[in-house]
Full PDB file with SEQRES, HELIX, SHEET, SSBOND, CRYST1, ORIGX, SCALE, CONECT and MASTER records, all heavy atoms in Angstrom:
SEQRES   1 A   37  VAL ARG SER LEU SER LEU THR ARG GLY GLU SER THR TRP          
SEQRES   2 A   37  LEU ARG GLY ASN THR PHE TYR GLY LYS ARG GLN MET PHE          
SEQRES   3 A   37  ARG SER ASP PHE MET GLU TRP PHE GLU ALA LEU                  
HELIX    1 AA1 ARG A    8  GLY A   16  1                                   9    
HELIX    2 AA2 SER A   28  ALA A   36  1                                   9    
SHEET    1 AA1 2 THR A  18  PHE A  19  0                                        
SHEET    2 AA1 2 LYS A  22  ARG A  23 -1                                        
CRYST1    1.000    1.000    1.000  90.00  90.00  90.00 P 1           1          
ORIGX1      1.000000  0.000000  0.000000        0.00000                         
ORIGX2      0.000000  1.000000  0.000000        0.00000                         
ORIGX3      0.000000  0.000000  1.000000        0.00000                         
SCALE1      1.000000  0.000000  0.000000        0.00000                         
SCALE2      0.000000  1.000000  0.000000        0.00000                         
SCALE3      0.000000  0.000000  1.000000        0.00000                         
ATOM      1  N   VAL A   1       1.920  26.730  58.344  1.00  0.00           N  
ATOM      2  CA  VAL A   1       2.249  25.920  57.166  1.00  0.00           C  
ATOM      3  C   VAL A   1       1.535  26.474  55.933  1.00  0.00           C  
ATOM      4  O   VAL A   1       2.106  26.543  54.844  1.00  0.00           O  
ATOM      5  CB  VAL A   1       1.885  24.443  57.399  1.00  0.00           C  
ATOM      6  CG1 VAL A   1       2.116  23.632  56.115  1.00  0.00           C  
ATOM      7  CG2 VAL A   1       2.698  23.848  58.544  1.00  0.00           C  
ATOM      8  N   ARG A   2       0.284  26.903  56.120  1.00  0.00           N  
ATOM      9  CA  ARG A   2      -0.486  27.456  54.999  1.00  0.00           C  
ATOM     10  C   ARG A   2       0.084  28.778  54.481  1.00  0.00           C  
ATOM     11  O   ARG A   2      -0.217  29.176  53.345  1.00  0.00           O  
ATOM     12  CB  ARG A   2      -1.953  27.656  55.398  1.00  0.00           C  
ATOM     13  CG  ARG A   2      -2.732  26.370  55.605  1.00  0.00           C  
ATOM     14  CD  ARG A   2      -4.224  26.649  55.579  1.00  0.00           C  
ATOM     15  NE  ARG A   2      -4.645  27.061  54.242  1.00  0.00           N  
ATOM     16  CZ  ARG A   2      -5.704  27.823  53.995  1.00  0.00           C  
ATOM     17  NH1 ARG A   2      -6.434  28.273  54.993  1.00  0.00           N  
ATOM     18  NH2 ARG A   2      -6.017  28.174  52.752  1.00  0.00           N  
ATOM     19  N   SER A   3       0.898  29.440  55.282  1.00  0.00           N  
ATOM     20  CA  SER A   3       1.483  30.716  54.861  1.00  0.00           C  
ATOM     21  C   SER A   3       2.759  30.529  54.040  1.00  0.00           C  
ATOM     22  O   SER A   3       3.264  31.494  53.461  1.00  0.00           O  
ATOM     23  CB  SER A   3       1.802  31.580  56.091  1.00  0.00           C  
ATOM     24  OG  SER A   3       2.960  31.077  56.782  1.00  0.00           O  
ATOM     25  N   LEU A   4       3.278  29.306  53.987  1.00  0.00           N  
ATOM     26  CA  LEU A   4       4.575  29.055  53.356  1.00  0.00           C  
ATOM     27  C   LEU A   4       4.466  28.990  51.839  1.00  0.00           C  
ATOM     28  O   LEU A   4       3.468  28.546  51.281  1.00  0.00           O  
ATOM     29  CB  LEU A   4       5.167  27.740  53.867  1.00  0.00           C  
ATOM     30  CG  LEU A   4       5.503  27.670  55.362  1.00  0.00           C  
ATOM     31  CD1 LEU A   4       5.881  26.239  55.746  1.00  0.00           C  
ATOM     32  CD2 LEU A   4       6.633  28.636  55.717  1.00  0.00           C  
ATOM     33  N   SER A   5       5.534  29.416  51.196  1.00  0.00           N  
ATOM     34  CA  SER A   5       5.706  29.206  49.755  1.00  0.00           C  
ATOM     35  C   SER A   5       7.180  28.937  49.491  1.00  0.00           C  
ATOM     36  O   SER A   5       8.037  29.183  50.350  1.00  0.00           O  
ATOM     37  CB  SER A   5       5.232  30.421  48.955  1.00  0.00           C  
ATOM     38  OG  SER A   5       5.975  31.580  49.326  1.00  0.00           O  
ATOM     39  N   LEU A   6       7.465  28.435  48.311  1.00  0.00           N  
ATOM     40  CA  LEU A   6       8.854  28.158  47.965  1.00  0.00           C  
ATOM     41  C   LEU A   6       9.689  29.430  47.983  1.00  0.00           C  
ATOM     42  O   LEU A   6       9.269  30.469  47.461  1.00  0.00           O  
ATOM     43  CB  LEU A   6       8.952  27.541  46.562  1.00  0.00           C  
ATOM     44  CG  LEU A   6       8.580  26.072  46.367  1.00  0.00           C  
ATOM     45  CD1 LEU A   6       8.950  25.645  44.949  1.00  0.00           C  
ATOM     46  CD2 LEU A   6       9.262  25.178  47.380  1.00  0.00           C  
ATOM     47  N   THR A   7      10.869  29.351  48.577  1.00  0.00           N  
ATOM     48  CA  THR A   7      11.809  30.461  48.484  1.00  0.00           C  
ATOM     49  C   THR A   7      12.535  30.388  47.140  1.00  0.00           C  
ATOM     50  O   THR A   7      12.493  29.359  46.455  1.00  0.00           O  
ATOM     51  CB  THR A   7      12.852  30.411  49.610  1.00  0.00           C  
ATOM     52  OG1 THR A   7      13.699  29.261  49.403  1.00  0.00           O  
ATOM     53  CG2 THR A   7      12.195  30.336  50.972  1.00  0.00           C  
ATOM     54  N   ARG A   8      13.198  31.479  46.791  1.00  0.00           N  
ATOM     55  CA  ARG A   8      13.946  31.484  45.538  1.00  0.00           C  
ATOM     56  C   ARG A   8      15.034  30.407  45.549  1.00  0.00           C  
ATOM     57  O   ARG A   8      15.241  29.697  44.559  1.00  0.00           O  
ATOM     58  CB  ARG A   8      14.572  32.858  45.315  1.00  0.00           C  
ATOM     59  CG  ARG A   8      15.381  32.949  44.018  1.00  0.00           C  
ATOM     60  CD  ARG A   8      15.832  34.368  43.752  1.00  0.00           C  
ATOM     61  NE  ARG A   8      14.707  35.244  43.506  1.00  0.00           N  
ATOM     62  CZ  ARG A   8      14.815  36.537  43.218  1.00  0.00           C  
ATOM     63  NH1 ARG A   8      15.999  37.091  43.130  1.00  0.00           N  
ATOM     64  NH2 ARG A   8      13.743  37.278  43.013  1.00  0.00           N  
ATOM     65  N   GLY A   9      15.717  30.254  46.696  1.00  0.00           N  
ATOM     66  CA  GLY A   9      16.772  29.249  46.801  1.00  0.00           C  
ATOM     67  C   GLY A   9      16.232  27.833  46.655  1.00  0.00           C  
ATOM     68  O   GLY A   9      16.865  26.983  46.007  1.00  0.00           O  
ATOM     69  N   GLU A  10      15.075  27.567  47.262  1.00  0.00           N  
ATOM     70  CA  GLU A  10      14.463  26.238  47.150  1.00  0.00           C  
ATOM     71  C   GLU A  10      14.052  25.938  45.719  1.00  0.00           C  
ATOM     72  O   GLU A  10      14.265  24.836  45.208  1.00  0.00           O  
ATOM     73  CB  GLU A  10      13.255  26.151  48.090  1.00  0.00           C  
ATOM     74  CG  GLU A  10      13.644  26.150  49.564  1.00  0.00           C  
ATOM     75  CD  GLU A  10      12.469  26.424  50.485  1.00  0.00           C  
ATOM     76  OE1 GLU A  10      11.382  26.831  50.006  1.00  0.00           O  
ATOM     77  OE2 GLU A  10      12.637  26.240  51.716  1.00  0.00           O  
ATOM     78  N   SER A  11      13.469  26.935  45.069  1.00  0.00           N  
ATOM     79  CA  SER A  11      13.069  26.761  43.668  1.00  0.00           C  
ATOM     80  C   SER A  11      14.275  26.502  42.778  1.00  0.00           C  
ATOM     81  O   SER A  11      14.240  25.622  41.905  1.00  0.00           O  
ATOM     82  CB  SER A  11      12.307  28.006  43.196  1.00  0.00           C  
ATOM     83  OG  SER A  11      11.941  27.880  41.851  1.00  0.00           O  
ATOM     84  N   THR A  12      15.342  27.252  42.995  1.00  0.00           N  
ATOM     85  CA  THR A  12      16.563  27.064  42.203  1.00  0.00           C  
ATOM     86  C   THR A  12      17.130  25.664  42.406  1.00  0.00           C  
ATOM     87  O   THR A  12      17.562  25.007  41.457  1.00  0.00           O  
ATOM     88  CB  THR A  12      17.612  28.127  42.591  1.00  0.00           C  
ATOM     89  OG1 THR A  12      17.075  29.428  42.345  1.00  0.00           O  
ATOM     90  CG2 THR A  12      18.902  27.942  41.808  1.00  0.00           C  
ATOM     91  N   TRP A  13      17.122  25.203  43.650  1.00  0.00           N  
ATOM     92  CA  TRP A  13      17.631  23.865  43.964  1.00  0.00           C  
ATOM     93  C   TRP A  13      16.806  22.790  43.262  1.00  0.00           C  
ATOM     94  O   TRP A  13      17.359  21.876  42.642  1.00  0.00           O  
ATOM     95  CB  TRP A  13      17.618  23.657  45.477  1.00  0.00           C  
ATOM     96  CG  TRP A  13      18.150  22.329  45.926  1.00  0.00           C  
ATOM     97  CD1 TRP A  13      19.459  21.930  45.938  1.00  0.00           C  
ATOM     98  CD2 TRP A  13      17.394  21.244  46.465  1.00  0.00           C  
ATOM     99  NE1 TRP A  13      19.557  20.653  46.439  1.00  0.00           N  
ATOM    100  CE2 TRP A  13      18.304  20.201  46.780  1.00  0.00           C  
ATOM    101  CE3 TRP A  13      16.031  21.036  46.716  1.00  0.00           C  
ATOM    102  CZ2 TRP A  13      17.898  18.976  47.329  1.00  0.00           C  
ATOM    103  CZ3 TRP A  13      15.613  19.824  47.257  1.00  0.00           C  
ATOM    104  CH2 TRP A  13      16.543  18.815  47.549  1.00  0.00           C  
ATOM    105  N   LEU A  14      15.490  22.895  43.320  1.00  0.00           N  
ATOM    106  CA  LEU A  14      14.633  21.896  42.685  1.00  0.00           C  
ATOM    107  C   LEU A  14      14.771  21.931  41.166  1.00  0.00           C  
ATOM    108  O   LEU A  14      14.770  20.893  40.513  1.00  0.00           O  
ATOM    109  CB  LEU A  14      13.168  22.128  43.073  1.00  0.00           C  
ATOM    110  CG  LEU A  14      12.777  21.768  44.508  1.00  0.00           C  
ATOM    111  CD1 LEU A  14      11.362  22.265  44.819  1.00  0.00           C  
ATOM    112  CD2 LEU A  14      12.854  20.261  44.737  1.00  0.00           C  
ATOM    113  N   ARG A  15      14.877  23.132  40.613  1.00  0.00           N  
ATOM    114  CA  ARG A  15      14.975  23.265  39.156  1.00  0.00           C  
ATOM    115  C   ARG A  15      16.333  22.821  38.617  1.00  0.00           C  
ATOM    116  O   ARG A  15      16.414  22.214  37.543  1.00  0.00           O  
ATOM    117  CB  ARG A  15      14.725  24.722  38.735  1.00  0.00           C  
ATOM    118  CG  ARG A  15      13.261  25.165  38.755  1.00  0.00           C  
ATOM    119  CD  ARG A  15      13.150  26.619  38.367  1.00  0.00           C  
ATOM    120  NE  ARG A  15      11.790  27.116  38.297  1.00  0.00           N  
ATOM    121  CZ  ARG A  15      11.001  27.096  37.224  1.00  0.00           C  
ATOM    122  NH1 ARG A  15      11.461  26.595  36.076  1.00  0.00           N  
ATOM    123  NH2 ARG A  15       9.777  27.587  37.255  1.00  0.00           N  
ATOM    124  N   GLY A  16      17.402  23.091  39.373  1.00  0.00           N  
ATOM    125  CA  GLY A  16      18.727  22.905  38.816  1.00  0.00           C  
ATOM    126  C   GLY A  16      19.560  21.768  39.363  1.00  0.00           C  
ATOM    127  O   GLY A  16      20.576  21.383  38.773  1.00  0.00           O  
ATOM    128  N   ASN A  17      19.147  21.210  40.501  1.00  0.00           N  
ATOM    129  CA  ASN A  17      19.951  20.153  41.110  1.00  0.00           C  
ATOM    130  C   ASN A  17      19.820  18.840  40.332  1.00  0.00           C  
ATOM    131  O   ASN A  17      18.861  18.614  39.610  1.00  0.00           O  
ATOM    132  CB  ASN A  17      19.502  19.943  42.562  1.00  0.00           C  
ATOM    133  CG  ASN A  17      20.485  19.093  43.343  1.00  0.00           C  
ATOM    134  OD1 ASN A  17      21.674  19.343  43.351  1.00  0.00           O  
ATOM    135  ND2 ASN A  17      19.989  18.078  44.011  1.00  0.00           N  
ATOM    136  N   THR A  18      20.806  17.989  40.504  1.00  0.00           N  
ATOM    137  CA  THR A  18      20.761  16.653  39.913  1.00  0.00           C  
ATOM    138  C   THR A  18      20.178  15.678  40.935  1.00  0.00           C  
ATOM    139  O   THR A  18      20.692  15.563  42.049  1.00  0.00           O  
ATOM    140  CB  THR A  18      22.164  16.197  39.489  1.00  0.00           C  
ATOM    141  OG1 THR A  18      22.651  17.096  38.483  1.00  0.00           O  
ATOM    142  CG2 THR A  18      22.133  14.783  38.909  1.00  0.00           C  
ATOM    143  N   PHE A  19      19.099  14.992  40.571  1.00  0.00           N  
ATOM    144  CA  PHE A  19      18.485  13.968  41.411  1.00  0.00           C  
ATOM    145  C   PHE A  19      18.539  12.635  40.675  1.00  0.00           C  
ATOM    146  O   PHE A  19      18.107  12.540  39.520  1.00  0.00           O  
ATOM    147  CB  PHE A  19      17.027  14.314  41.733  1.00  0.00           C  
ATOM    148  CG  PHE A  19      16.837  15.628  42.434  1.00  0.00           C  
ATOM    149  CD1 PHE A  19      16.452  16.763  41.728  1.00  0.00           C  
ATOM    150  CD2 PHE A  19      17.045  15.742  43.791  1.00  0.00           C  
ATOM    151  CE1 PHE A  19      16.263  17.976  42.371  1.00  0.00           C  
ATOM    152  CE2 PHE A  19      16.863  16.953  44.457  1.00  0.00           C  
ATOM    153  CZ  PHE A  19      16.478  18.073  43.731  1.00  0.00           C  
ATOM    154  N   TYR A  20      19.084  11.625  41.346  1.00  0.00           N  
ATOM    155  CA  TYR A  20      19.182  10.296  40.734  1.00  0.00           C  
ATOM    156  C   TYR A  20      19.872  10.369  39.369  1.00  0.00           C  
ATOM    157  O   TYR A  20      19.476   9.704  38.414  1.00  0.00           O  
ATOM    158  CB  TYR A  20      17.797   9.646  40.611  1.00  0.00           C  
ATOM    159  CG  TYR A  20      17.265   9.101  41.916  1.00  0.00           C  
ATOM    160  CD1 TYR A  20      16.674   9.934  42.843  1.00  0.00           C  
ATOM    161  CD2 TYR A  20      17.364   7.747  42.227  1.00  0.00           C  
ATOM    162  CE1 TYR A  20      16.183   9.436  44.052  1.00  0.00           C  
ATOM    163  CE2 TYR A  20      16.890   7.240  43.424  1.00  0.00           C  
ATOM    164  CZ  TYR A  20      16.305   8.081  44.335  1.00  0.00           C  
ATOM    165  OH  TYR A  20      15.819   7.586  45.530  1.00  0.00           O  
ATOM    166  N   GLY A  21      20.876  11.222  39.300  1.00  0.00           N  
ATOM    167  CA  GLY A  21      21.658  11.349  38.079  1.00  0.00           C  
ATOM    168  C   GLY A  21      20.999  12.135  36.964  1.00  0.00           C  
ATOM    169  O   GLY A  21      21.535  12.220  35.854  1.00  0.00           O  
ATOM    170  N   LYS A  22      19.836  12.740  37.232  1.00  0.00           N  
ATOM    171  CA  LYS A  22      19.091  13.455  36.202  1.00  0.00           C  
ATOM    172  C   LYS A  22      18.954  14.927  36.580  1.00  0.00           C  
ATOM    173  O   LYS A  22      18.482  15.255  37.660  1.00  0.00           O  
ATOM    174  CB  LYS A  22      17.697  12.840  36.037  1.00  0.00           C  
ATOM    175  CG  LYS A  22      16.844  13.503  34.967  1.00  0.00           C  
ATOM    176  CD  LYS A  22      15.486  12.810  34.862  1.00  0.00           C  
ATOM    177  CE  LYS A  22      14.588  13.489  33.833  1.00  0.00           C  
ATOM    178  NZ  LYS A  22      13.254  12.779  33.738  1.00  0.00           N  
ATOM    179  N   ARG A  23      19.399  15.808  35.699  1.00  0.00           N  
ATOM    180  CA  ARG A  23      19.214  17.237  35.916  1.00  0.00           C  
ATOM    181  C   ARG A  23      17.832  17.651  35.408  1.00  0.00           C  
ATOM    182  O   ARG A  23      17.284  17.036  34.514  1.00  0.00           O  
ATOM    183  CB  ARG A  23      20.317  18.031  35.186  1.00  0.00           C  
ATOM    184  CG  ARG A  23      20.414  19.484  35.642  1.00  0.00           C  
ATOM    185  CD  ARG A  23      21.643  20.159  35.104  1.00  0.00           C  
ATOM    186  NE  ARG A  23      22.866  19.710  35.717  1.00  0.00           N  
ATOM    187  CZ  ARG A  23      23.331  20.141  36.878  1.00  0.00           C  
ATOM    188  NH1 ARG A  23      22.667  21.031  37.573  1.00  0.00           N  
ATOM    189  NH2 ARG A  23      24.472  19.684  37.348  1.00  0.00           N  
ATOM    190  N   GLN A  24      17.267  18.656  36.018  1.00  0.00           N  
ATOM    191  CA  GLN A  24      15.912  19.123  35.696  1.00  0.00           C  
ATOM    192  C   GLN A  24      14.888  17.992  35.816  1.00  0.00           C  
ATOM    193  O   GLN A  24      14.075  17.735  34.925  1.00  0.00           O  
ATOM    194  CB  GLN A  24      15.867  19.752  34.295  1.00  0.00           C  
ATOM    195  CG  GLN A  24      16.727  21.022  34.193  1.00  0.00           C  
ATOM    196  CD  GLN A  24      16.717  21.668  32.832  1.00  0.00           C  
ATOM    197  OE1 GLN A  24      16.753  20.974  31.812  1.00  0.00           O  
ATOM    198  NE2 GLN A  24      16.671  22.973  32.812  1.00  0.00           N  
ATOM    199  N   MET A  25      14.939  17.323  36.955  1.00  0.00           N  
ATOM    200  CA  MET A  25      13.967  16.277  37.267  1.00  0.00           C  
ATOM    201  C   MET A  25      12.541  16.839  37.272  1.00  0.00           C  
ATOM    202  O   MET A  25      11.593  16.167  36.869  1.00  0.00           O  
ATOM    203  CB  MET A  25      14.293  15.674  38.634  1.00  0.00           C  
ATOM    204  CG  MET A  25      13.318  14.623  39.131  1.00  0.00           C  
ATOM    205  SD  MET A  25      13.465  13.071  38.248  1.00  0.00           S  
ATOM    206  CE  MET A  25      14.950  12.389  39.023  1.00  0.00           C  
ATOM    207  N   PHE A  26      12.417  18.076  37.731  1.00  0.00           N  
ATOM    208  CA  PHE A  26      11.099  18.694  37.826  1.00  0.00           C  
ATOM    209  C   PHE A  26      10.872  19.633  36.646  1.00  0.00           C  
ATOM    210  O   PHE A  26      11.646  20.565  36.418  1.00  0.00           O  
ATOM    211  CB  PHE A  26      10.965  19.429  39.162  1.00  0.00           C  
ATOM    212  CG  PHE A  26      11.066  18.500  40.340  1.00  0.00           C  
ATOM    213  CD1 PHE A  26      12.250  18.406  41.069  1.00  0.00           C  
ATOM    214  CD2 PHE A  26       9.991  17.696  40.700  1.00  0.00           C  
ATOM    215  CE1 PHE A  26      12.353  17.531  42.145  1.00  0.00           C  
ATOM    216  CE2 PHE A  26      10.092  16.821  41.779  1.00  0.00           C  
ATOM    217  CZ  PHE A  26      11.268  16.746  42.493  1.00  0.00           C  
ATOM    218  N   ARG A  27       9.807  19.384  35.899  1.00  0.00           N  
ATOM    219  CA  ARG A  27       9.517  20.130  34.677  1.00  0.00           C  
ATOM    220  C   ARG A  27       9.108  21.567  34.983  1.00  0.00           C  
ATOM    221  O   ARG A  27       8.610  21.871  36.068  1.00  0.00           O  
ATOM    222  CB  ARG A  27       8.401  19.437  33.886  1.00  0.00           C  
ATOM    223  CG  ARG A  27       8.755  18.015  33.437  1.00  0.00           C  
ATOM    224  CD  ARG A  27       7.715  17.517  32.436  1.00  0.00           C  
ATOM    225  NE  ARG A  27       6.345  17.735  32.929  1.00  0.00           N  
ATOM    226  CZ  ARG A  27       5.699  16.899  33.727  1.00  0.00           C  
ATOM    227  NH1 ARG A  27       6.279  15.774  34.106  1.00  0.00           N  
ATOM    228  NH2 ARG A  27       4.473  17.170  34.148  1.00  0.00           N  
ATOM    229  N   SER A  28       9.267  22.432  34.006  1.00  0.00           N  
ATOM    230  CA  SER A  28       8.988  23.862  34.199  1.00  0.00           C  
ATOM    231  C   SER A  28       7.531  24.119  34.545  1.00  0.00           C  
ATOM    232  O   SER A  28       7.231  24.954  35.400  1.00  0.00           O  
ATOM    233  CB  SER A  28       9.367  24.647  32.940  1.00  0.00           C  
ATOM    234  OG  SER A  28      10.741  24.656  32.755  1.00  0.00           O  
ATOM    235  N   ASP A  29       6.585  23.417  33.879  1.00  0.00           N  
ATOM    236  CA  ASP A  29       5.168  23.665  34.160  1.00  0.00           C  
ATOM    237  C   ASP A  29       4.816  23.273  35.600  1.00  0.00           C  
ATOM    238  O   ASP A  29       4.053  23.980  36.269  1.00  0.00           O  
ATOM    239  CB  ASP A  29       4.259  22.952  33.155  1.00  0.00           C  
ATOM    240  CG  ASP A  29       4.432  21.441  33.134  1.00  0.00           C  
ATOM    241  OD1 ASP A  29       5.490  20.929  33.590  1.00  0.00           O  
ATOM    242  OD2 ASP A  29       3.506  20.735  32.638  1.00  0.00           O  
ATOM    243  N   PHE A  30       5.403  22.171  36.073  1.00  0.00           N  
ATOM    244  CA  PHE A  30       5.170  21.767  37.446  1.00  0.00           C  
ATOM    245  C   PHE A  30       5.782  22.778  38.420  1.00  0.00           C  
ATOM    246  O   PHE A  30       5.153  23.159  39.414  1.00  0.00           O  
ATOM    247  CB  PHE A  30       5.749  20.371  37.700  1.00  0.00           C  
ATOM    248  CG  PHE A  30       5.714  19.969  39.157  1.00  0.00           C  
ATOM    249  CD1 PHE A  30       4.518  19.601  39.758  1.00  0.00           C  
ATOM    250  CD2 PHE A  30       6.872  19.976  39.919  1.00  0.00           C  
ATOM    251  CE1 PHE A  30       4.480  19.248  41.110  1.00  0.00           C  
ATOM    252  CE2 PHE A  30       6.846  19.621  41.267  1.00  0.00           C  
ATOM    253  CZ  PHE A  30       5.650  19.255  41.854  1.00  0.00           C  
ATOM    254  N   MET A  31       6.983  23.215  38.146  1.00  0.00           N  
ATOM    255  CA  MET A  31       7.643  24.161  39.038  1.00  0.00           C  
ATOM    256  C   MET A  31       6.896  25.492  39.104  1.00  0.00           C  
ATOM    257  O   MET A  31       6.784  26.095  40.178  1.00  0.00           O  
ATOM    258  CB  MET A  31       9.096  24.388  38.612  1.00  0.00           C  
ATOM    259  CG  MET A  31      10.039  23.223  38.942  1.00  0.00           C  
ATOM    260  SD  MET A  31      10.074  22.781  40.696  1.00  0.00           S  
ATOM    261  CE  MET A  31      10.436  24.355  41.475  1.00  0.00           C  
ATOM    262  N   GLU A  32       6.389  25.963  37.981  1.00  0.00           N  
ATOM    263  CA  GLU A  32       5.609  27.204  37.996  1.00  0.00           C  
ATOM    264  C   GLU A  32       4.379  27.054  38.884  1.00  0.00           C  
ATOM    265  O   GLU A  32       4.017  27.966  39.635  1.00  0.00           O  
ATOM    266  CB  GLU A  32       5.206  27.587  36.564  1.00  0.00           C  
ATOM    267  CG  GLU A  32       6.383  28.123  35.750  1.00  0.00           C  
ATOM    268  CD  GLU A  32       6.062  28.245  34.282  1.00  0.00           C  
ATOM    269  OE1 GLU A  32       4.867  28.100  33.918  1.00  0.00           O  
ATOM    270  OE2 GLU A  32       6.993  28.471  33.471  1.00  0.00           O  
ATOM    271  N   TRP A  33       3.722  25.900  38.779  1.00  0.00           N  
ATOM    272  CA  TRP A  33       2.566  25.624  39.639  1.00  0.00           C  
ATOM    273  C   TRP A  33       2.983  25.562  41.113  1.00  0.00           C  
ATOM    274  O   TRP A  33       2.334  26.158  41.979  1.00  0.00           O  
ATOM    275  CB  TRP A  33       1.925  24.294  39.212  1.00  0.00           C  
ATOM    276  CG  TRP A  33       0.885  23.788  40.153  1.00  0.00           C  
ATOM    277  CD1 TRP A  33      -0.433  24.133  40.163  1.00  0.00           C  
ATOM    278  CD2 TRP A  33       1.071  22.840  41.229  1.00  0.00           C  
ATOM    279  NE1 TRP A  33      -1.081  23.465  41.182  1.00  0.00           N  
ATOM    280  CE2 TRP A  33      -0.172  22.670  41.843  1.00  0.00           C  
ATOM    281  CE3 TRP A  33       2.169  22.139  41.711  1.00  0.00           C  
ATOM    282  CZ2 TRP A  33      -0.355  21.824  42.934  1.00  0.00           C  
ATOM    283  CZ3 TRP A  33       2.003  21.299  42.802  1.00  0.00           C  
ATOM    284  CH2 TRP A  33       0.757  21.146  43.394  1.00  0.00           C  
ATOM    285  N   PHE A  34       4.082  24.871  41.394  1.00  0.00           N  
ATOM    286  CA  PHE A  34       4.542  24.689  42.769  1.00  0.00           C  
ATOM    287  C   PHE A  34       4.977  26.024  43.382  1.00  0.00           C  
ATOM    288  O   PHE A  34       4.713  26.307  44.551  1.00  0.00           O  
ATOM    289  CB  PHE A  34       5.691  23.679  42.787  1.00  0.00           C  
ATOM    290  CG  PHE A  34       6.054  23.136  44.150  1.00  0.00           C  
ATOM    291  CD1 PHE A  34       5.189  23.230  45.234  1.00  0.00           C  
ATOM    292  CD2 PHE A  34       7.282  22.498  44.337  1.00  0.00           C  
ATOM    293  CE1 PHE A  34       5.548  22.714  46.478  1.00  0.00           C  
ATOM    294  CE2 PHE A  34       7.637  21.981  45.579  1.00  0.00           C  
ATOM    295  CZ  PHE A  34       6.785  22.112  46.654  1.00  0.00           C  
ATOM    296  N   GLU A  35       5.618  26.872  42.603  1.00  0.00           N  
ATOM    297  CA  GLU A  35       6.068  28.175  43.103  1.00  0.00           C  
ATOM    298  C   GLU A  35       4.910  29.069  43.515  1.00  0.00           C  
ATOM    299  O   GLU A  35       5.051  29.921  44.385  1.00  0.00           O  
ATOM    300  CB  GLU A  35       6.936  28.857  42.039  1.00  0.00           C  
ATOM    301  CG  GLU A  35       8.327  28.221  41.908  1.00  0.00           C  
ATOM    302  CD  GLU A  35       8.993  28.502  40.573  1.00  0.00           C  
ATOM    303  OE1 GLU A  35       8.362  29.093  39.683  1.00  0.00           O  
ATOM    304  OE2 GLU A  35      10.167  28.107  40.407  1.00  0.00           O  
ATOM    305  N   ALA A  36       3.746  28.866  42.892  1.00  0.00           N  
ATOM    306  CA  ALA A  36       2.565  29.684  43.205  1.00  0.00           C  
ATOM    307  C   ALA A  36       1.693  29.058  44.307  1.00  0.00           C  
ATOM    308  O   ALA A  36       0.736  29.680  44.776  1.00  0.00           O  
ATOM    309  CB  ALA A  36       1.720  29.883  41.952  1.00  0.00           C  
ATOM    310  N   LEU A  37       2.047  27.838  44.730  1.00  0.00           N  
ATOM    311  CA  LEU A  37       1.179  27.066  45.625  1.00  0.00           C  
ATOM    312  C   LEU A  37       1.178  27.589  47.059  1.00  0.00           C  
ATOM    313  O   LEU A  37       2.218  27.932  47.601  1.00  0.00           O  
ATOM    314  CB  LEU A  37       1.621  25.598  45.624  1.00  0.00           C  
ATOM    315  CG  LEU A  37       0.837  24.657  46.566  1.00  0.00           C  
ATOM    316  CD1 LEU A  37      -0.568  24.410  46.040  1.00  0.00           C  
ATOM    317  CD2 LEU A  37       1.582  23.339  46.758  1.00  0.00           C  
TER     318      LEU A  37                                                      
MASTER        0    0    0    2    2    0    0    6  317    1    0    3          
END                                                                             
């Protein structure tokens, strides 16, 4: 689990998908942090 990081497809889905009727639910600064986590 500690070796895992977001894949490009997962990042694209989180950044671009509509959740609860809202696109870009996750802000860019948060996503940049999450992608490096």
